[in-house]
C-alpha atoms as a PDB file:
ATOM      1  CA  MET A   1      57.696  -5.891  15.003  1.00  0.00           C
ATOM      2  CA  LYS A   2      58.511  -6.171  11.311  1.00  0.00           C
ATOM      3  CA  LYS A   3      56.622  -9.445  11.199  1.00  0.00           C
ATOM      4  CA  VAL A   4      53.537  -7.782  12.671  1.00  0.00           C
ATOM      5  CA  VAL A   5      53.743  -4.966  10.089  1.00  0.00           C
ATOM      6  CA  ARG A   6      54.056  -7.476   7.221  1.00  0.00           C
ATOM      7  CA  VAL A   7      51.044  -9.444   8.460  1.00  0.00           C
ATOM      8  CA  SER A   8      49.037  -6.238   8.826  1.00  0.00           C
ATOM      9  CA  LEU A   9      49.921  -5.117   5.302  1.00  0.00           C
ATOM     10  CA  LEU A  10      49.008  -8.522   3.861  1.00  0.00           C
ATOM     11  CA  ALA A  11      45.675  -8.486   5.693  1.00  0.00           C
ATOM     12  CA  ALA A  12      44.919  -4.962   4.472  1.00  0.00           C
ATOM     13  CA  SER A  13      45.835  -5.939   0.912  1.00  0.00           C
ATOM     14  CA  SER A  14      43.554  -8.984   1.106  1.00  0.00           C
ATOM     15  CA  LEU A  15      40.661  -6.848   2.327  1.00  0.00           C
ATOM     16  CA  MET A  16      41.177  -4.329  -0.474  1.00  0.00           C
ATOM     17  CA  LEU A  17      41.295  -7.063  -3.113  1.00  0.00           C
ATOM     18  CA  SER A  18      38.140  -8.633  -1.671  1.00  0.00           C
ATOM     19  CA  ALA A  19      36.344  -5.291  -1.687  1.00  0.00           C
ATOM     20  CA  ASN A  20      37.418  -4.637  -5.281  1.00  0.00           C
ATOM     21  CA  ALA A  21      36.208  -8.091  -6.346  1.00  0.00           C
ATOM     22  CA  GLN A  22      32.835  -7.512  -4.704  1.00  0.00           C
ATOM     23  CA  ALA A  23      32.496  -4.095  -6.352  1.00  0.00           C
ATOM     24  CA  SER A  24      33.349  -5.596  -9.743  1.00  0.00           C
ATOM     25  CA  SER A  25      30.726  -8.325  -9.286  1.00  0.00           C
ATOM     26  CA  VAL A  26      27.893  -5.746  -9.114  1.00  0.00           C
ATOM     27  CA  ASP A  27      29.388  -3.182 -11.491  1.00  0.00           C
ATOM     28  CA  GLY A  28      26.848  -2.788 -14.330  1.00  0.00           C
ATOM     29  CA  LEU A  29      24.094  -4.652 -12.492  1.00  0.00           C
ATOM     30  CA  GLY A  30      20.688  -2.998 -12.424  1.00  0.00           C
ATOM     31  CA  VAL A  31      17.243  -3.694 -10.972  1.00  0.00           C
ATOM     32  CA  GLY A  32      13.815  -2.366 -11.839  1.00  0.00           C
ATOM     33  CA  VAL A  33      10.258  -2.438 -10.532  1.00  0.00           C
ATOM     34  CA  ASN A  34       7.422  -1.619 -12.897  1.00  0.00           C
ATOM     35  CA  TYR A  35       3.831  -2.342 -13.857  1.00  0.00           C
ATOM     36  CA  GLY A  36       2.820  -3.664 -17.255  1.00  0.00           C
ATOM     37  CA  LEU A  37      -0.356  -4.224 -19.225  1.00  0.00           C
ATOM     38  CA  PHE A  38      -1.226  -7.955 -18.861  1.00  0.00           C
ATOM     39  CA  ALA A  39       2.115  -8.548 -17.083  1.00  0.00           C
ATOM     40  CA  GLY A  40       1.061  -6.666 -13.948  1.00  0.00           C
ATOM     41  CA  PRO A  41       3.649  -6.006 -11.204  1.00  0.00           C
ATOM     42  CA  THR A  42       7.087  -6.850 -12.610  1.00  0.00           C
ATOM     43  CA  PHE A  43      10.596  -7.206 -11.188  1.00  0.00           C
ATOM     44  CA  GLU A  44      13.524  -6.834 -13.586  1.00  0.00           C
ATOM     45  CA  LEU A  45      17.217  -7.636 -13.336  1.00  0.00           C
ATOM     46  CA  ASN A  46      19.587  -6.336 -15.997  1.00  0.00           C
ATOM     47  CA  TYR A  47      23.289  -6.324 -16.686  1.00  0.00           C
ATOM     48  CA  ALA A  48      25.140  -3.824 -18.867  1.00  0.00           C
ATOM     49  CA  ILE A  49      27.643  -5.673 -21.061  1.00  0.00           C
ATOM     50  CA  ASN A  50      28.922  -2.339 -22.323  1.00  0.00           C
ATOM     51  CA  ASP A  51      27.583   1.158 -23.061  1.00  0.00           C
ATOM     52  CA  GLN A  52      25.312  -0.169 -25.806  1.00  0.00           C
ATOM     53  CA  LEU A  53      24.290  -3.741 -24.901  1.00  0.00           C
ATOM     54  CA  GLN A  54      22.582  -5.157 -21.864  1.00  0.00           C
ATOM     55  CA  VAL A  55      20.820  -8.392 -20.923  1.00  0.00           C
ATOM     56  CA  ARG A  56      17.493  -8.057 -19.116  1.00  0.00           C
ATOM     57  CA  GLY A  57      15.220 -10.576 -17.402  1.00  0.00           C
ATOM     58  CA  ALA A  58      11.714  -9.866 -16.118  1.00  0.00           C
ATOM     59  CA  LEU A  59       9.415 -11.795 -13.773  1.00  0.00           C
ATOM     60  CA  SER A  60       5.775 -10.723 -13.432  1.00  0.00           C
ATOM     61  CA  SER A  61       2.820 -11.850 -11.323  1.00  0.00           C
ATOM     62  CA  GLY A  62       0.048 -10.997 -13.790  1.00  0.00           C
ATOM     63  CA  MET A  63      -2.570  -8.312 -14.229  1.00  0.00           C
ATOM     64  CA  THR A  64      -5.762  -8.289 -12.151  1.00  0.00           C
ATOM     65  CA  LEU A  65      -8.794  -8.029 -14.420  1.00  0.00           C
ATOM     66  CA  SER A  66     -12.461  -8.809 -13.810  1.00  0.00           C
ATOM     67  CA  GLU A  67     -15.393  -7.838 -16.000  1.00  0.00           C
ATOM     68  CA  THR A  68     -18.585  -9.088 -17.633  1.00  0.00           C
ATOM     69  CA  THR A  69     -18.783  -9.448 -21.412  1.00  0.00           C
ATOM     70  CA  SER A  70     -21.652 -10.206 -23.773  1.00  0.00           C
ATOM     71  CA  ASP A  71     -19.785 -10.425 -27.070  1.00  0.00           C
ATOM     72  CA  THR A  72     -21.485 -13.773 -27.767  1.00  0.00           C
ATOM     73  CA  ASP A  73     -24.953 -15.128 -27.024  1.00  0.00           C
ATOM     74  CA  ILE A  74     -23.753 -16.005 -23.521  1.00  0.00           C
ATOM     75  CA  LYS A  75     -22.746 -13.499 -20.856  1.00  0.00           C
ATOM     76  CA  TYR A  76     -19.467 -14.358 -19.181  1.00  0.00           C
ATOM     77  CA  ASP A  77     -17.733 -13.149 -16.036  1.00  0.00           C
ATOM     78  CA  VAL A  78     -14.137 -12.809 -17.217  1.00  0.00           C
ATOM     79  CA  GLU A  79     -11.003 -12.896 -15.075  1.00  0.00           C
ATOM     80  CA  ALA A  80      -7.310 -12.645 -15.995  1.00  0.00           C
ATOM     81  CA  ASP A  81      -4.607 -14.747 -14.396  1.00  0.00           C
ATOM     82  CA  GLY A  82      -0.921 -15.617 -14.856  1.00  0.00           C
ATOM     83  CA  GLY A  83       2.227 -13.580 -15.417  1.00  0.00           C
ATOM     84  CA  ILE A  84       4.530 -13.034 -18.387  1.00  0.00           C
ATOM     85  CA  ASN A  85       8.258 -13.691 -17.907  1.00  0.00           C
ATOM     86  CA  ARG A  86      10.780 -12.361 -20.401  1.00  0.00           C
ATOM     87  CA  LEU A  87      14.444 -12.484 -21.344  1.00  0.00           C
ATOM     88  CA  ALA A  88      15.709  -9.810 -23.722  1.00  0.00           C
ATOM     89  CA  LEU A  89      18.789  -8.176 -25.212  1.00  0.00           C
ATOM     90  CA  ASP A  90      18.594  -4.376 -25.171  1.00  0.00           C
ATOM     91  CA  TYR A  91      20.556  -2.235 -27.635  1.00  0.00           C
ATOM     92  CA  HIS A  92      21.258   1.403 -26.717  1.00  0.00           C
ATOM     93  CA  PRO A  93      22.364   2.833 -30.101  1.00  0.00           C
ATOM     94  CA  PHE A  94      23.296   6.236 -28.665  1.00  0.00           C
ATOM     95  CA  GLY A  95      24.737   5.028 -25.359  1.00  0.00           C
ATOM     96  CA  ASN A  96      21.930   6.722 -23.411  1.00  0.00           C
ATOM     97  CA  SER A  97      18.535   5.629 -22.059  1.00  0.00           C
ATOM     98  CA  PHE A  98      16.842   4.972 -25.447  1.00  0.00           C
ATOM     99  CA  PHE A  99      16.873   1.290 -26.385  1.00  0.00           C
ATOM    100  CA  LEU A 100      15.669  -1.239 -28.929  1.00  0.00           C
ATOM    101  CA  SER A 101      14.955  -4.706 -27.573  1.00  0.00           C
ATOM    102  CA  ALA A 102      14.431  -8.261 -28.830  1.00  0.00           C
ATOM    103  CA  GLY A 103      13.810 -11.357 -26.764  1.00  0.00           C
ATOM    104  CA  TYR A 104      11.479 -14.185 -25.810  1.00  0.00           C
ATOM    105  CA  ALA A 105       8.519 -14.428 -23.429  1.00  0.00           C
ATOM    106  CA  VAL A 106       7.317 -17.417 -21.420  1.00  0.00           C
ATOM    107  CA  ASN A 107       3.624 -16.606 -21.276  1.00  0.00           C
ATOM    108  CA  ASN A 108       1.401 -17.857 -18.447  1.00  0.00           C
ATOM    109  CA  PHE A 109      -1.250 -15.207 -19.035  1.00  0.00           C
ATOM    110  CA  LYS A 110      -4.787 -16.469 -19.682  1.00  0.00           C
ATOM    111  CA  LEU A 111      -8.390 -15.310 -19.576  1.00  0.00           C
ATOM    112  CA  SER A 112     -10.977 -17.453 -17.802  1.00  0.00           C
ATOM    113  CA  ALA A 113     -14.714 -16.966 -18.304  1.00  0.00           C
ATOM    114  CA  LEU A 114     -17.654 -18.367 -16.333  1.00  0.00           C
ATOM    115  CA  GLY A 115     -21.216 -18.211 -17.631  1.00  0.00           C
ATOM    116  CA  THR A 116     -24.060 -19.449 -15.420  1.00  0.00           C
ATOM    117  CA  THR A 117     -27.827 -19.893 -15.829  1.00  0.00           C
ATOM    118  CA  SER A 118     -30.453 -21.349 -13.515  1.00  0.00           C
ATOM    119  CA  ALA A 119     -33.311 -23.794 -14.069  1.00  0.00           C
ATOM    120  CA  GLY A 120     -36.250 -22.381 -16.020  1.00  0.00           C
ATOM    121  CA  GLN A 121     -34.131 -20.075 -18.172  1.00  0.00           C
ATOM    122  CA  THR A 122     -32.942 -20.526 -21.738  1.00  0.00           C
ATOM    123  CA  VAL A 123     -29.384 -20.492 -23.037  1.00  0.00           C
ATOM    124  CA  THR A 124     -28.011 -20.433 -26.571  1.00  0.00           C
ATOM    125  CA  ILE A 125     -24.911 -22.548 -27.142  1.00  0.00           C
ATOM    126  CA  GLY A 126     -23.542 -22.407 -30.652  1.00  0.00           C
ATOM    127  CA  ASP A 127     -26.635 -22.201 -32.857  1.00  0.00           C
ATOM    128  CA  THR A 128     -28.945 -24.147 -30.519  1.00  0.00           C
ATOM    129  CA  THR A 129     -31.257 -22.690 -27.879  1.00  0.00           C
ATOM    130  CA  TYR A 130     -31.825 -24.876 -24.814  1.00  0.00           C
ATOM    131  CA  ASN A 131     -34.214 -24.840 -21.897  1.00  0.00           C
ATOM    132  CA  VAL A 132     -32.238 -25.161 -18.686  1.00  0.00           C
ATOM    133  CA  ASP A 133     -33.508 -28.104 -16.603  1.00  0.00           C
ATOM    134  CA  ALA A 134     -30.762 -27.853 -13.948  1.00  0.00           C
ATOM    135  CA  ASN A 135     -28.306 -25.062 -13.247  1.00  0.00           C
ATOM    136  CA  VAL A 136     -25.799 -24.741 -16.090  1.00  0.00           C
ATOM    137  CA  ALA A 137     -22.226 -23.469 -15.784  1.00  0.00           C
ATOM    138  CA  LEU A 138     -20.080 -22.873 -18.861  1.00  0.00           C
ATOM    139  CA  ASN A 139     -16.335 -22.538 -18.356  1.00  0.00           C
ATOM    140  CA  GLY A 140     -14.242 -20.933 -21.086  1.00  0.00           C
ATOM    141  CA  GLN A 141     -10.516 -20.242 -21.281  1.00  0.00           C
ATOM    142  CA  LEU A 142      -8.260 -18.328 -23.656  1.00  0.00           C
ATOM    143  CA  ASN A 143      -4.562 -19.254 -23.606  1.00  0.00           C
ATOM    144  CA  TRP A 144      -1.751 -17.565 -25.511  1.00  0.00           C
ATOM    145  CA  ASP A 145       1.479 -19.316 -26.512  1.00  0.00           C
ATOM    146  CA  ASN A 146       5.029 -18.278 -25.655  1.00  0.00           C
ATOM    147  CA  GLY A 147       6.549 -16.008 -28.278  1.00  0.00           C
ATOM    148  CA  ALA A 148       9.283 -13.694 -29.502  1.00  0.00           C
ATOM    149  CA  THR A 149       9.269 -10.067 -28.358  1.00  0.00           C
ATOM    150  CA  LEU A 150      10.175  -6.764 -29.991  1.00  0.00           C
ATOM    151  CA  SER A 151      10.042  -3.443 -28.188  1.00  0.00           C
ATOM    152  CA  PHE A 152      11.585  -0.027 -27.726  1.00  0.00           C
ATOM    153  CA  GLY A 153      11.686   2.408 -24.885  1.00  0.00           C
ATOM    154  CA  TRP A 154      13.612   4.666 -22.560  1.00  0.00           C
ATOM    155  CA  GLY A 155      15.293   3.485 -19.394  1.00  0.00           C
ATOM    156  CA  ASN A 156      17.868   1.080 -17.945  1.00  0.00           C
ATOM    157  CA  SER A 157      20.591   3.512 -18.969  1.00  0.00           C
ATOM    158  CA  PRO A 158      24.167   2.210 -18.706  1.00  0.00           C
ATOM    159  CA  ALA A 159      24.816   5.172 -16.361  1.00  0.00           C
ATOM    160  CA  LYS A 160      24.769   4.414 -12.630  1.00  0.00           C
ATOM    161  CA  GLY A 161      22.031   5.573 -10.283  1.00  0.00           C
ATOM    162  CA  TRP A 162      18.263   5.969 -10.385  1.00  0.00           C
ATOM    163  CA  GLY A 163      16.236   6.103 -13.584  1.00  0.00           C
ATOM    164  CA  ALA A 164      12.812   5.532 -15.116  1.00  0.00           C
ATOM    165  CA  LEU A 165      11.558   2.936 -17.579  1.00  0.00           C
ATOM    166  CA  ILE A 166       8.965   3.245 -20.324  1.00  0.00           C
ATOM    167  CA  GLU A 167       8.639   0.347 -22.794  1.00  0.00           C
ATOM    168  CA  VAL A 168       6.287  -0.288 -25.740  1.00  0.00           C
ATOM    169  CA  GLY A 169       6.225  -3.370 -27.933  1.00  0.00           C
ATOM    170  CA  ALA A 170       4.597  -6.735 -28.605  1.00  0.00           C
ATOM    171  CA  ILE A 171       4.780 -10.448 -27.778  1.00  0.00           C
ATOM    172  CA  PHE A 172       4.087 -12.436 -30.939  1.00  0.00           C
ATOM    173  CA  THR A 173       2.016 -15.289 -29.509  1.00  0.00           C
ATOM    174  CA  GLY A 174      -0.262 -16.184 -32.410  1.00  0.00           C
ATOM    175  CA  SER A 175      -4.036 -16.498 -31.950  1.00  0.00           C
ATOM    176  CA  PRO A 176      -5.226 -17.600 -28.506  1.00  0.00           C
ATOM    177  CA  LYS A 177      -6.521 -21.132 -28.014  1.00  0.00           C
ATOM    178  CA  VAL A 178     -10.140 -21.331 -26.873  1.00  0.00           C
ATOM    179  CA  THR A 179     -11.591 -24.146 -24.757  1.00  0.00           C
ATOM    180  CA  LEU A 180     -15.175 -24.397 -23.510  1.00  0.00           C
ATOM    181  CA  THR A 181     -16.651 -26.962 -21.115  1.00  0.00           C
ATOM    182  CA  GLY A 182     -19.835 -27.103 -19.078  1.00  0.00           C
ATOM    183  CA  THR A 183     -21.983 -28.799 -16.461  1.00  0.00           C
ATOM    184  CA  GLY A 184     -25.720 -29.022 -15.884  1.00  0.00           C
ATOM    185  CA  THR A 185     -28.765 -30.323 -17.772  1.00  0.00           C
ATOM    186  CA  VAL A 186     -30.482 -28.780 -20.811  1.00  0.00           C
ATOM    187  CA  ASP A 187     -33.264 -29.711 -23.227  1.00  0.00           C
ATOM    188  CA  ALA A 188     -33.441 -28.482 -26.819  1.00  0.00           C
ATOM    189  CA  ASN A 189     -37.068 -29.682 -27.223  1.00  0.00           C
ATOM    190  CA  ASP A 190     -35.945 -31.694 -30.248  1.00  0.00           C
ATOM    191  CA  GLY A 191     -37.258 -35.044 -29.074  1.00  0.00           C
ATOM    192  CA  ASN A 192     -33.943 -36.157 -27.565  1.00  0.00           C
ATOM    193  CA  GLY A 193     -34.965 -35.291 -24.025  1.00  0.00           C
ATOM    194  CA  PRO A 194     -32.782 -33.712 -21.317  1.00  0.00           C
ATOM    195  CA  GLN A 195     -29.053 -33.747 -22.057  1.00  0.00           C
ATOM    196  CA  ASP A 196     -26.120 -33.702 -19.609  1.00  0.00           C
ATOM    197  CA  VAL A 197     -23.911 -30.805 -20.688  1.00  0.00           C
ATOM    198  CA  SER A 198     -20.712 -32.560 -19.621  1.00  0.00           C
ATOM    199  CA  SER A 199     -21.349 -35.839 -21.492  1.00  0.00           C
ATOM    200  CA  SER A 200     -23.914 -35.397 -24.265  1.00  0.00           C
ATOM    201  CA  GLN A 201     -22.359 -35.473 -27.733  1.00  0.00           C
ATOM    202  CA  LEU A 202     -25.130 -33.192 -29.015  1.00  0.00           C
ATOM    203  CA  VAL A 203     -24.266 -30.551 -26.417  1.00  0.00           C
ATOM    204  CA  GLN A 204     -20.538 -31.096 -26.945  1.00  0.00           C
ATOM    205  CA  ASP A 205     -21.038 -30.300 -30.629  1.00  0.00           C
ATOM    206  CA  ALA A 206     -22.864 -27.105 -29.629  1.00  0.00           C
ATOM    207  CA  LEU A 207     -20.059 -26.206 -27.214  1.00  0.00           C
ATOM    208  CA  ASN A 208     -17.520 -26.707 -29.991  1.00  0.00           C
ATOM    209  CA  ALA A 209     -19.564 -24.438 -32.247  1.00  0.00           C
ATOM    210  CA  GLU A 210     -19.644 -21.799 -29.487  1.00  0.00           C
ATOM    211  CA  ALA A 211     -15.876 -22.134 -28.992  1.00  0.00           C
ATOM    212  CA  ASN A 212     -15.349 -21.709 -32.737  1.00  0.00           C
ATOM    213  CA  LYS A 213     -17.486 -18.564 -32.616  1.00  0.00           C
ATOM    214  CA  ILE A 214     -15.315 -17.121 -29.845  1.00  0.00           C
ATOM    215  CA  GLN A 215     -12.178 -18.231 -31.709  1.00  0.00           C
ATOM    216  CA  SER A 216     -13.381 -16.333 -34.768  1.00  0.00           C
ATOM    217  CA  ASP A 217     -13.974 -13.211 -32.664  1.00  0.00           C
ATOM    218  CA  VAL A 218     -10.468 -13.227 -31.181  1.00  0.00           C
ATOM    219  CA  GLY A 219      -8.561 -14.842 -34.049  1.00  0.00           C
ATOM    220  CA  ASP A 220      -7.107 -11.555 -35.284  1.00  0.00           C
ATOM    221  CA  TYR A 221      -5.412 -10.871 -31.945  1.00  0.00           C
ATOM    222  CA  THR A 222      -2.122 -12.612 -32.727  1.00  0.00           C
ATOM    223  CA  PHE A 223       0.027 -10.699 -30.257  1.00  0.00           C
ATOM    224  CA  LEU A 224      -0.067  -9.339 -26.725  1.00  0.00           C
ATOM    225  CA  PRO A 225       1.025  -5.713 -26.312  1.00  0.00           C
ATOM    226  CA  ILE A 226       3.933  -4.699 -24.115  1.00  0.00           C
ATOM    227  CA  LEU A 227       3.206  -1.450 -22.307  1.00  0.00           C
ATOM    228  CA  GLN A 228       4.941  -0.851 -19.005  1.00  0.00           C
ATOM    229  CA  ALA A 229       6.468   1.848 -16.851  1.00  0.00           C
ATOM    230  CA  GLY A 230       8.494   1.890 -13.647  1.00  0.00           C
ATOM    231  CA  VAL A 231      11.705   2.856 -11.865  1.00  0.00           C
ATOM    232  CA  THR A 232      15.224   1.444 -12.146  1.00  0.00           C
ATOM    233  CA  TYR A 233      18.524   1.574 -10.303  1.00  0.00           C
ATOM    234  CA  ARG A 234      21.981   0.645 -11.584  1.00  0.00           C
ATOM    235  CA  PHE A 235      24.803  -0.070  -9.157  1.00  0.00           C
END
């Protein structure tokens, strides 16, 4: 009988130790779901080191955006694609929900633009106006680099339970890189005859001039804003 009691006590002790270990493994762990400008739907995982410091990681799927722009001589249908993933260290100076944050973003966000014209129309590429002999498609893309992040906000409190998150800041990516390619056939009526957009050096020079024009328009945008809101829970 004593042997049975001892075994039972040992088993109970083992279960209690296991339960305590499991509780300790999630103590301070938090999750969040939010929506951010450019980042789109975002899932966050954070861990409170103490009442003032926490580590936070964020994975996003990207913002859905579709519109037509005519900022240049060509009208483009613009779409956004790609998420922004971040790792940051949050500092809660007052031990409450207010925080200052610094980190790094792996940026997959980009803007893609498609401009199309049909035979019989004219199109201006760079500084040259062409007659379109066969349907022309111009494909442009703006890509931002990875970069450091700085932000502040309210949320992810070290206290357990449900909470809210509001964050404002910036990802310092530098100016976006612009690429522009095309297909189709055009004629500038300059005596050189019809030119294949994808292979003609004359048209390639015009495409480069158009890309430089777009680059000049967006060159001052050296960062992507962080603006997001959502809900959090800390275990």
